[in-house]
């Protein structure tokens, strides 16, 4: 399955706890879309979030965020893991 990295560029009011709660909601609905959210990284001060996800396509990854909490990514790109 392809691997994607999404970027949220300016999340207003970003907090570590709020993001953890949003990620938990992603995990609750991801199966309906054939998606597996793997991990996320964030910079609270800058309001930036990056999510790594296995998904059949970028649209499926987008659908999970939209359904789970509405905080959709500004950009989703297909990536490959380096070794």
Protein backbone atom coordinates (compact mmCIF):
# COMPACT_ATOMS: atom_id res chain seq x y z
CA UNK A 1 0.00 0.00 0.00
CA UNK A 2 1.33 3.48 -0.76
CA UNK A 3 2.73 5.63 2.03
CA UNK A 4 1.71 9.28 2.37
CA UNK A 5 2.83 12.25 4.46
CA UNK A 6 0.30 14.95 5.05
CA UNK A 7 0.98 18.49 6.22
CA UNK A 8 -1.29 20.78 8.21
CA UNK A 9 0.32 24.20 7.90
CA UNK A 10 -1.52 26.41 10.40
CA UNK A 11 -3.67 24.66 13.00
CA UNK A 12 -5.14 27.39 15.21
CA UNK A 13 -4.97 26.59 18.92
CA UNK A 14 -2.83 23.48 18.41
CA UNK A 15 -2.04 21.62 21.65
CA UNK A 16 -0.41 18.26 22.25
CA UNK A 17 -3.56 16.97 23.97
CA UNK A 18 -5.89 18.24 21.28
CA UNK A 19 -3.76 16.59 18.63
CA UNK A 20 -3.65 13.31 20.57
CA UNK A 21 -7.45 13.39 20.76
CA UNK A 22 -7.74 14.06 17.01
CA UNK A 23 -5.33 11.20 16.23
CA UNK A 24 -7.40 8.88 18.42
CA UNK A 25 -10.49 9.77 16.37
CA UNK A 26 -8.51 9.06 13.17
CA UNK A 27 -7.72 5.60 14.49
CA UNK A 28 -11.39 4.98 15.29
CA UNK A 29 -12.57 5.62 11.70
CA UNK A 30 -9.55 4.68 9.56
CA UNK A 31 -10.68 1.08 8.98
CA UNK A 32 -13.78 2.24 7.11
CA UNK A 33 -11.49 3.81 4.51
CA UNK A 34 -8.80 1.11 4.30
CA UNK A 35 -6.27 3.45 5.91
CA UNK A 36 -3.66 3.04 8.66
CA UNK A 37 -2.42 6.22 10.35
CA UNK A 38 1.08 5.29 11.57
CA UNK A 39 2.44 8.32 13.42
CA UNK A 40 2.39 12.09 13.60
CA UNK A 41 4.77 14.93 14.43
CA UNK A 42 3.97 18.50 15.36
CA UNK A 43 5.33 21.92 16.26
CA UNK A 44 2.87 23.42 18.70
CA UNK A 45 4.29 26.94 18.48
CA UNK A 46 4.18 27.02 14.67
CA UNK A 47 0.81 25.22 14.47
CA UNK A 48 2.22 22.61 12.09
CA UNK A 49 1.35 18.91 12.02
CA UNK A 50 2.65 16.06 9.84
CA UNK A 51 0.95 12.65 9.65
CA UNK A 52 2.37 9.45 8.17
CA UNK A 53 -0.25 7.12 6.74
CA UNK A 54 -0.60 3.91 4.74
CA UNK A 55 -3.52 4.47 2.40
CA UNK A 56 -4.75 3.23 -0.97
CA UNK A 57 -4.66 6.86 -2.17
CA UNK A 58 -4.49 10.44 -0.90
CA UNK A 59 -8.27 10.79 -1.09
CA UNK A 60 -8.78 7.98 1.44
CA UNK A 61 -6.34 9.60 3.86
CA UNK A 62 -8.19 12.92 3.43
CA UNK A 63 -11.55 11.22 4.06
CA UNK A 64 -10.40 9.89 7.44
CA UNK A 65 -9.38 13.33 8.72
CA UNK A 66 -12.57 14.89 7.35
CA UNK A 67 -14.83 12.32 9.01
CA UNK A 68 -12.89 12.02 12.27
CA UNK A 69 -12.51 15.70 13.17
CA UNK A 70 -12.60 17.97 10.12
CA UNK A 71 -8.94 19.04 10.39
CA UNK A 72 -7.99 18.18 6.83
CA UNK A 73 -4.42 18.49 5.57
CA UNK A 74 -3.24 21.35 3.39
CA UNK A 75 -1.12 18.94 1.36
CA UNK A 76 -0.76 15.16 1.03
CA UNK A 77 2.23 13.69 -0.84
CA UNK A 78 3.22 10.13 -1.56
CA UNK A 79 6.56 9.25 0.06
CA UNK A 80 8.95 6.33 0.23
CA UNK A 81 10.77 5.22 3.36
CA UNK A 82 14.52 5.59 3.23
CA UNK A 83 16.88 2.99 4.65
